[in-house]
Amino acid sequence: MDEMTAEHIDRIWSSLSHWLPEKTKVDAGVDFINCLQEIGVEDSVIKQAAEFDPKYEEAVLAVFGQDDDMEDTNEDWYYDSEGEE
């Protein structure tokens, strides 16, 4: 089998999550991540897939906690007229 990529994970997750109620998606995501780990998918690849879906990102944060390597894709930055934060 070829190596699993973040895009593969996103395609599988998107196919599955479509059928899940919103309130169960994070729990299902945690179970999905645990399955990925059991079959030997690298943690870094699992984390990379978090950029594609907010519910999957919540599941990644639940499993791995906040990681300095992960960007907060939902964070809005405000810049004033002089370009400062």
PDB file of N, CA and C in Angstrom:
ATOM      1  N   MET A   1       0.840  -1.180   0.000  1.00  0.00           N
ATOM      2  CA  MET A   1       0.000   0.000   0.000  1.00  0.00           C
ATOM      3  C   MET A   1       0.883   1.240   0.000  1.00  0.00           C
ATOM      4  N   ASP A   2       0.487   2.239  -0.767  1.00  0.00           N
ATOM      5  CA  ASP A   2       1.216   3.505  -0.782  1.00  0.00           C
ATOM      6  C   ASP A   2       1.044   4.215   0.550  1.00  0.00           C
ATOM      7  N   GLU A   3       1.955   5.143   0.793  1.00  0.00           N
ATOM      8  CA  GLU A   3       1.913   5.903   2.042  1.00  0.00           C
ATOM      9  C   GLU A   3       0.684   6.814   2.066  1.00  0.00           C
ATOM     10  N   MET A   4       0.027   6.892   3.217  1.00  0.00           N
ATOM     11  CA  MET A   4      -1.156   7.731   3.398  1.00  0.00           C
ATOM     12  C   MET A   4      -0.721   9.196   3.466  1.00  0.00           C
ATOM     13  N   THR A   5      -1.427  10.053   2.749  1.00  0.00           N
ATOM     14  CA  THR A   5      -1.140  11.486   2.764  1.00  0.00           C
ATOM     15  C   THR A   5      -2.284  12.231   3.452  1.00  0.00           C
ATOM     16  N   ALA A   6      -2.047  13.500   3.750  1.00  0.00           N
ATOM     17  CA  ALA A   6      -3.084  14.332   4.356  1.00  0.00           C
ATOM     18  C   ALA A   6      -4.296  14.430   3.425  1.00  0.00           C
ATOM     19  N   GLU A   7      -4.054  14.459   2.127  1.00  0.00           N
ATOM     20  CA  GLU A   7      -5.154  14.524   1.162  1.00  0.00           C
ATOM     21  C   GLU A   7      -5.989  13.249   1.184  1.00  0.00           C
ATOM     22  N   HIS A   8      -5.340  12.099   1.358  1.00  0.00           N
ATOM     23  CA  HIS A   8      -6.079  10.835   1.488  1.00  0.00           C
ATOM     24  C   HIS A   8      -6.964  10.870   2.726  1.00  0.00           C
ATOM     25  N   ILE A   9      -6.391  11.323   3.822  1.00  0.00           N
ATOM     26  CA  ILE A   9      -7.151  11.402   5.072  1.00  0.00           C
ATOM     27  C   ILE A   9      -8.350  12.327   4.891  1.00  0.00           C
ATOM     28  N   ASP A  10      -8.139  13.468   4.246  1.00  0.00           N
ATOM     29  CA  ASP A  10      -9.234  14.406   4.026  1.00  0.00           C
ATOM     30  C   ASP A  10     -10.338  13.776   3.189  1.00  0.00           C
ATOM     31  N   ARG A  11      -9.975  13.062   2.144  1.00  0.00           N
ATOM     32  CA  ARG A  11     -10.986  12.433   1.288  1.00  0.00           C
ATOM     33  C   ARG A  11     -11.793  11.389   2.059  1.00  0.00           C
ATOM     34  N   ILE A  12     -11.127  10.598   2.876  1.00  0.00           N
ATOM     35  CA  ILE A  12     -11.835   9.591   3.671  1.00  0.00           C
ATOM     36  C   ILE A  12     -12.725  10.283   4.696  1.00  0.00           C
ATOM     37  N   TRP A  13     -12.163  11.250   5.423  1.00  0.00           N
ATOM     38  CA  TRP A  13     -12.925  11.960   6.454  1.00  0.00           C
ATOM     39  C   TRP A  13     -14.131  12.676   5.841  1.00  0.00           C
ATOM     40  N   SER A  14     -13.944  13.328   4.722  1.00  0.00           N
ATOM     41  CA  SER A  14     -15.056  14.038   4.071  1.00  0.00           C
ATOM     42  C   SER A  14     -16.169  13.072   3.683  1.00  0.00           C
ATOM     43  N   SER A  15     -15.792  11.909   3.195  1.00  0.00           N
ATOM     44  CA  SER A  15     -16.791  10.903   2.821  1.00  0.00           C
ATOM     45  C   SER A  15     -17.564  10.397   4.033  1.00  0.00           C
ATOM     46  N   LEU A  16     -16.856  10.185   5.120  1.00  0.00           N
ATOM     47  CA  LEU A  16     -17.503   9.677   6.330  1.00  0.00           C
ATOM     48  C   LEU A  16     -18.300  10.752   7.060  1.00  0.00           C
ATOM     49  N   SER A  17     -17.711  11.912   7.230  1.00  0.00           N
ATOM     50  CA  SER A  17     -18.325  12.942   8.072  1.00  0.00           C
ATOM     51  C   SER A  17     -19.618  13.487   7.472  1.00  0.00           C
ATOM     52  N   HIS A  18     -19.757  13.350   6.169  1.00  0.00           N
ATOM     53  CA  HIS A  18     -20.980  13.785   5.501  1.00  0.00           C
ATOM     54  C   HIS A  18     -22.215  13.108   6.110  1.00  0.00           C
ATOM     55  N   TRP A  19     -22.054  11.889   6.581  1.00  0.00           N
ATOM     56  CA  TRP A  19     -23.167  11.096   7.098  1.00  0.00           C
ATOM     57  C   TRP A  19     -23.335  11.217   8.616  1.00  0.00           C
ATOM     58  N   LEU A  20     -22.458  11.955   9.278  1.00  0.00           N
ATOM     59  CA  LEU A  20     -22.499  12.054  10.740  1.00  0.00           C
ATOM     60  C   LEU A  20     -23.255  13.296  11.193  1.00  0.00           C
ATOM     61  N   PRO A  21     -24.014  13.189  12.293  1.00  0.00           N
ATOM     62  CA  PRO A  21     -24.616  14.388  12.869  1.00  0.00           C
ATOM     63  C   PRO A  21     -23.514  15.312  13.393  1.00  0.00           C
ATOM     64  N   GLU A  22     -23.724  16.609  13.293  1.00  0.00           N
ATOM     65  CA  GLU A  22     -22.719  17.597  13.715  1.00  0.00           C
ATOM     66  C   GLU A  22     -22.224  17.343  15.136  1.00  0.00           C
ATOM     67  N   LYS A  23     -23.125  17.006  16.038  1.00  0.00           N
ATOM     68  CA  LYS A  23     -22.737  16.860  17.444  1.00  0.00           C
ATOM     69  C   LYS A  23     -21.839  15.654  17.715  1.00  0.00           C
ATOM     70  N   THR A  24     -21.733  14.734  16.770  1.00  0.00           N
ATOM     71  CA  THR A  24     -20.890  13.556  16.986  1.00  0.00           C
ATOM     72  C   THR A  24     -19.604  13.571  16.160  1.00  0.00           C
ATOM     73  N   LYS A  25     -19.413  14.593  15.342  1.00  0.00           N
ATOM     74  CA  LYS A  25     -18.265  14.598  14.430  1.00  0.00           C
ATOM     75  C   LYS A  25     -16.919  14.630  15.148  1.00  0.00           C
ATOM     76  N   VAL A  26     -16.802  15.382  16.220  1.00  0.00           N
ATOM     77  CA  VAL A  26     -15.509  15.447  16.917  1.00  0.00           C
ATOM     78  C   VAL A  26     -15.179  14.087  17.537  1.00  0.00           C
ATOM     79  N   ASP A  27     -16.157  13.463  18.190  1.00  0.00           N
ATOM     80  CA  ASP A  27     -15.921  12.139  18.776  1.00  0.00           C
ATOM     81  C   ASP A  27     -15.573  11.113  17.707  1.00  0.00           C
ATOM     82  N   ALA A  28     -16.275  11.177  16.586  1.00  0.00           N
ATOM     83  CA  ALA A  28     -15.966  10.266  15.473  1.00  0.00           C
ATOM     84  C   ALA A  28     -14.577  10.555  14.920  1.00  0.00           C
ATOM     85  N   GLY A  29     -14.211  11.833  14.878  1.00  0.00           N
ATOM     86  CA  GLY A  29     -12.876  12.215  14.416  1.00  0.00           C
ATOM     87  C   GLY A  29     -11.784  11.651  15.306  1.00  0.00           C
ATOM     88  N   VAL A  30     -12.021  11.675  16.619  1.00  0.00           N
ATOM     89  CA  VAL A  30     -11.047  11.098  17.562  1.00  0.00           C
ATOM     90  C   VAL A  30     -10.897   9.601  17.298  1.00  0.00           C
ATOM     91  N   ASP A  31     -12.007   8.910  17.107  1.00  0.00           N
ATOM     92  CA  ASP A  31     -11.948   7.474  16.798  1.00  0.00           C
ATOM     93  C   ASP A  31     -11.229   7.222  15.472  1.00  0.00           C
ATOM     94  N   PHE A  32     -11.503   8.059  14.478  1.00  0.00           N
ATOM     95  CA  PHE A  32     -10.854   7.948  13.176  1.00  0.00           C
ATOM     96  C   PHE A  32      -9.343   8.131  13.315  1.00  0.00           C
ATOM     97  N   ILE A  33      -8.929   9.129  14.087  1.00  0.00           N
ATOM     98  CA  ILE A  33      -7.496   9.378  14.306  1.00  0.00           C
ATOM     99  C   ILE A  33      -6.850   8.185  15.009  1.00  0.00           C
ATOM    100  N   ASN A  34      -7.530   7.626  16.001  1.00  0.00           N
ATOM    101  CA  ASN A  34      -6.997   6.448  16.690  1.00  0.00           C
ATOM    102  C   ASN A  34      -6.814   5.285  15.723  1.00  0.00           C
ATOM    103  N   CYS A  35      -7.753   5.105  14.798  1.00  0.00           N
ATOM    104  CA  CYS A  35      -7.629   4.049  13.777  1.00  0.00           C
ATOM    105  C   CYS A  35      -6.437   4.316  12.864  1.00  0.00           C
ATOM    106  N   LEU A  36      -6.275   5.581  12.460  1.00  0.00           N
ATOM    107  CA  LEU A  36      -5.129   5.927  11.619  1.00  0.00           C
ATOM    108  C   LEU A  36      -3.815   5.617  12.319  1.00  0.00           C
ATOM    109  N   GLN A  37      -3.740   5.929  13.611  1.00  0.00           N
ATOM    110  CA  GLN A  37      -2.529   5.632  14.366  1.00  0.00           C
ATOM    111  C   GLN A  37      -2.291   4.127  14.450  1.00  0.00           C
ATOM    112  N   GLU A  38      -3.360   3.364  14.638  1.00  0.00           N
ATOM    113  CA  GLU A  38      -3.233   1.905  14.736  1.00  0.00           C
ATOM    114  C   GLU A  38      -2.688   1.276  13.459  1.00  0.00           C
ATOM    115  N   ILE A  39      -3.007   1.870  12.303  1.00  0.00           N
ATOM    116  CA  ILE A  39      -2.499   1.297  11.046  1.00  0.00           C
ATOM    117  C   ILE A  39      -1.159   1.897  10.639  1.00  0.00           C
ATOM    118  N   GLY A  40      -0.605   2.761  11.512  1.00  0.00           N
ATOM    119  CA  GLY A  40       0.755   3.236  11.296  1.00  0.00           C
ATOM    120  C   GLY A  40       0.907   4.547  10.543  1.00  0.00           C
ATOM    121  N   VAL A  41      -0.172   5.327  10.433  1.00  0.00           N
ATOM    122  CA  VAL A  41      -0.061   6.626   9.770  1.00  0.00           C
ATOM    123  C   VAL A  41       0.712   7.567  10.688  1.00  0.00           C
ATOM    124  N   GLU A  42       1.660   8.281  10.129  1.00  0.00           N
ATOM    125  CA  GLU A  42       2.493   9.205  10.900  1.00  0.00           C
ATOM    126  C   GLU A  42       1.633  10.308  11.533  1.00  0.00           C
ATOM    127  N   ASP A  43       1.952  10.656  12.776  1.00  0.00           N
ATOM    128  CA  ASP A  43       1.229  11.718  13.467  1.00  0.00           C
ATOM    129  C   ASP A  43       1.290  13.035  12.699  1.00  0.00           C
ATOM    130  N   SER A  44       2.421  13.318  12.090  1.00  0.00           N
ATOM    131  CA  SER A  44       2.558  14.576  11.351  1.00  0.00           C
ATOM    132  C   SER A  44       1.577  14.637  10.182  1.00  0.00           C
ATOM    133  N   VAL A  45       1.322  13.512   9.528  1.00  0.00           N
ATOM    134  CA  VAL A  45       0.371  13.467   8.410  1.00  0.00           C
ATOM    135  C   VAL A  45      -1.053  13.627   8.934  1.00  0.00           C
ATOM    136  N   ILE A  46      -1.340  12.985  10.046  1.00  0.00           N
ATOM    137  CA  ILE A  46      -2.666  13.113  10.666  1.00  0.00           C
ATOM    138  C   ILE A  46      -2.933  14.577  11.018  1.00  0.00           C
ATOM    139  N   LYS A  47      -1.940  15.249  11.567  1.00  0.00           N
ATOM    140  CA  LYS A  47      -2.092  16.659  11.947  1.00  0.00           C
ATOM    141  C   LYS A  47      -2.222  17.563  10.730  1.00  0.00           C
ATOM    142  N   GLN A  48      -1.501  17.266   9.656  1.00  0.00           N
ATOM    143  CA  GLN A  48      -1.572  18.081   8.433  1.00  0.00           C
ATOM    144  C   GLN A  48      -2.980  18.113   7.862  1.00  0.00           C
ATOM    145  N   ALA A  49      -3.706  17.028   7.998  1.00  0.00           N
ATOM    146  CA  ALA A  49      -5.060  16.953   7.442  1.00  0.00           C
ATOM    147  C   ALA A  49      -6.037  17.862   8.181  1.00  0.00           C
ATOM    148  N   ALA A  50      -5.639  18.384   9.334  1.00  0.00           N
ATOM    149  CA  ALA A  50      -6.522  19.245  10.117  1.00  0.00           C
ATOM    150  C   ALA A  50      -6.841  20.551   9.412  1.00  0.00           C
ATOM    151  N   GLU A  51      -6.039  20.937   8.449  1.00  0.00           N
ATOM    152  CA  GLU A  51      -6.273  22.206   7.756  1.00  0.00           C
ATOM    153  C   GLU A  51      -7.503  22.161   6.852  1.00  0.00           C
ATOM    154  N   PHE A  52      -8.036  20.973   6.584  1.00  0.00           N
ATOM    155  CA  PHE A  52      -9.129  20.839   5.624  1.00  0.00           C
ATOM    156  C   PHE A  52     -10.521  20.948   6.238  1.00  0.00           C
ATOM    157  N   ASP A  53     -10.682  20.623   7.524  1.00  0.00           N
ATOM    158  CA  ASP A  53     -12.020  20.562   8.123  1.00  0.00           C
ATOM    159  C   ASP A  53     -11.964  20.984   9.585  1.00  0.00           C
ATOM    160  N   PRO A  54     -12.812  21.922  10.001  1.00  0.00           N
ATOM    161  CA  PRO A  54     -12.779  22.408  11.385  1.00  0.00           C
ATOM    162  C   PRO A  54     -13.106  21.337  12.431  1.00  0.00           C
ATOM    163  N   LYS A  55     -14.036  20.437  12.134  1.00  0.00           N
ATOM    164  CA  LYS A  55     -14.382  19.383  13.100  1.00  0.00           C
ATOM    165  C   LYS A  55     -13.235  18.387  13.237  1.00  0.00           C
ATOM    166  N   TYR A  56     -12.591  18.070  12.135  1.00  0.00           N
ATOM    167  CA  TYR A  56     -11.424  17.181  12.195  1.00  0.00           C
ATOM    168  C   TYR A  56     -10.302  17.871  12.967  1.00  0.00           C
ATOM    169  N   GLU A  57     -10.152  19.176  12.772  1.00  0.00           N
ATOM    170  CA  GLU A  57      -9.134  19.931  13.508  1.00  0.00           C
ATOM    171  C   GLU A  57      -9.398  19.868  15.012  1.00  0.00           C
ATOM    172  N   GLU A  58     -10.664  19.977  15.416  1.00  0.00           N
ATOM    173  CA  GLU A  58     -11.011  19.841  16.835  1.00  0.00           C
ATOM    174  C   GLU A  58     -10.624  18.463  17.357  1.00  0.00           C
ATOM    175  N   ALA A  59     -10.853  17.440  16.553  1.00  0.00           N
ATOM    176  CA  ALA A  59     -10.484  16.081  16.951  1.00  0.00           C
ATOM    177  C   ALA A  59      -8.973  15.946  17.099  1.00  0.00           C
ATOM    178  N   VAL A  60      -8.229  16.534  16.180  1.00  0.00           N
ATOM    179  CA  VAL A  60      -6.765  16.501  16.265  1.00  0.00           C
ATOM    180  C   VAL A  60      -6.302  17.186  17.551  1.00  0.00           C
ATOM    181  N   LEU A  61      -6.893  18.321  17.870  1.00  0.00           N
ATOM    182  CA  LEU A  61      -6.528  19.026  19.100  1.00  0.00           C
ATOM    183  C   LEU A  61      -6.896  18.207  20.330  1.00  0.00           C
ATOM    184  N   ALA A  62      -7.996  17.470  20.273  1.00  0.00           N
ATOM    185  CA  ALA A  62      -8.396  16.613  21.391  1.00  0.00           C
ATOM    186  C   ALA A  62      -7.401  15.478  21.602  1.00  0.00           C
ATOM    187  N   VAL A  63      -6.874  14.935  20.502  1.00  0.00           N
ATOM    188  CA  VAL A  63      -5.937  13.809  20.598  1.00  0.00           C
ATOM    189  C   VAL A  63      -4.523  14.279  20.935  1.00  0.00           C
ATOM    190  N   PHE A  64      -4.061  15.310  20.244  1.00  0.00           N
ATOM    191  CA  PHE A  64      -2.663  15.715  20.360  1.00  0.00           C
ATOM    192  C   PHE A  64      -2.453  16.955  21.231  1.00  0.00           C
ATOM    193  N   GLY A  65      -3.509  17.703  21.520  1.00  0.00           N
ATOM    194  CA  GLY A  65      -3.351  18.971  22.224  1.00  0.00           C
ATOM    195  C   GLY A  65      -2.834  20.025  21.259  1.00  0.00           C
ATOM    196  N   GLN A  66      -2.657  21.226  21.771  1.00  0.00           N
ATOM    197  CA  GLN A  66      -2.149  22.326  20.935  1.00  0.00           C
ATOM    198  C   GLN A  66      -0.691  22.060  20.610  1.00  0.00           C
ATOM    199  N   ASP A  67      -0.355  22.179  19.349  1.00  0.00           N
ATOM    200  CA  ASP A  67       0.992  21.906  18.869  1.00  0.00           C
ATOM    201  C   ASP A  67       1.529  23.169  18.208  1.00  0.00           C
ATOM    202  N   ASP A  68       2.762  23.528  18.512  1.00  0.00           N
ATOM    203  CA  ASP A  68       3.361  24.730  17.924  1.00  0.00           C
ATOM    204  C   ASP A  68       3.458  24.637  16.406  1.00  0.00           C
ATOM    205  N   ASP A  69       3.508  23.419  15.861  1.00  0.00           N
ATOM    206  CA  ASP A  69       3.626  23.253  14.421  1.00  0.00           C
ATOM    207  C   ASP A  69       2.299  23.443  13.692  1.00  0.00           C
ATOM    208  N   MET A  70       1.193  23.391  14.443  1.00  0.00           N
ATOM    209  CA  MET A  70      -0.116  23.544  13.819  1.00  0.00           C
ATOM    210  C   MET A  70      -0.506  25.008  13.787  1.00  0.00           C
ATOM    211  N   GLU A  71      -0.974  25.454  12.648  1.00  0.00           N
ATOM    212  CA  GLU A  71      -1.468  26.817  12.530  1.00  0.00           C
ATOM    213  C   GLU A  71      -2.905  26.847  12.996  1.00  0.00           C
ATOM    214  N   ASP A  72      -3.301  27.959  13.621  1.00  0.00           N
ATOM    215  CA  ASP A  72      -4.699  28.136  13.978  1.00  0.00           C
ATOM    216  C   ASP A  72      -5.395  28.744  12.772  1.00  0.00           C
ATOM    217  N   THR A  73      -6.048  27.906  11.992  1.00  0.00           N
ATOM    218  CA  THR A  73      -6.646  28.366  10.744  1.00  0.00           C
ATOM    219  C   THR A  73      -7.892  29.201  10.966  1.00  0.00           C
ATOM    220  N   ASN A  74      -8.446  29.159  12.172  1.00  0.00           N
ATOM    221  CA  ASN A  74      -9.672  29.908  12.449  1.00  0.00           C
ATOM    222  C   ASN A  74      -9.397  31.237  13.134  1.00  0.00           C
ATOM    223  N   GLU A  75      -8.148  31.551  13.348  1.00  0.00           N
ATOM    224  CA  GLU A  75      -7.806  32.765  14.083  1.00  0.00           C
ATOM    225  C   GLU A  75      -7.779  33.965  13.136  1.00  0.00           C
ATOM    226  N   ASP A  76      -8.505  35.000  13.504  1.00  0.00           N
ATOM    227  CA  ASP A  76      -8.525  36.221  12.709  1.00  0.00           C
ATOM    228  C   ASP A  76      -7.562  37.222  13.321  1.00  0.00           C
ATOM    229  N   TRP A  77      -6.743  37.821  12.488  1.00  0.00           N
ATOM    230  CA  TRP A  77      -5.796  38.831  12.947  1.00  0.00           C
ATOM    231  C   TRP A  77      -6.277  40.198  12.515  1.00  0.00           C
ATOM    232  N   TYR A  78      -6.130  41.151  13.377  1.00  0.00           N
ATOM    233  CA  TYR A  78      -6.521  42.516  13.072  1.00  0.00           C
ATOM    234  C   TYR A  78      -5.264  43.344  12.885  1.00  0.00           C
ATOM    235  N   TYR A  79      -5.197  44.052  11.778  1.00  0.00           N
ATOM    236  CA  TYR A  79      -4.069  44.937  11.504  1.00  0.00           C
ATOM    237  C   TYR A  79      -4.603  46.353  11.415  1.00  0.00           C
ATOM    238  N   ASP A  80      -3.972  47.269  12.160  1.00  0.00           N
ATOM    239  CA  ASP A  80      -4.418  48.655  12.074  1.00  0.00           C
ATOM    240  C   ASP A  80      -3.889  49.304  10.796  1.00  0.00           C
ATOM    241  N   SER A  81      -4.205  50.555  10.597  1.00  0.00           N
ATOM    242  CA  SER A  81      -3.868  51.220   9.345  1.00  0.00           C
ATOM    243  C   SER A  81      -2.372  51.315   9.094  1.00  0.00           C
ATOM    244  N   GLU A  82      -1.552  51.154  10.129  1.00  0.00           N
ATOM    245  CA  GLU A  82      -0.104  51.219   9.959  1.00  0.00           C
ATOM    246  C   GLU A  82       0.505  49.844   9.790  1.00  0.00           C
ATOM    247  N   GLY A  83      -0.346  48.810   9.723  1.00  0.00           N
ATOM    248  CA  GLY A  83       0.142  47.456   9.478  1.00  0.00           C
ATOM    249  C   GLY A  83       0.645  46.762  10.729  1.00  0.00           C
ATOM    250  N   GLU A  84       0.358  47.274  11.909  1.00  0.00           N
ATOM    251  CA  GLU A  84       0.794  46.637  13.158  1.00  0.00           C
ATOM    252  C   GLU A  84      -0.344  45.782  13.685  1.00  0.00           C
ATOM    253  N   GLU A  85       0.015  44.753  14.469  1.00  0.00           N
ATOM    254  CA  GLU A  85      -0.980  43.907  15.098  1.00  0.00           C
ATOM    255  C   GLU A  85      -1.568  44.611  16.288  1.00  0.00           C
TER     256      GLU A  85
END
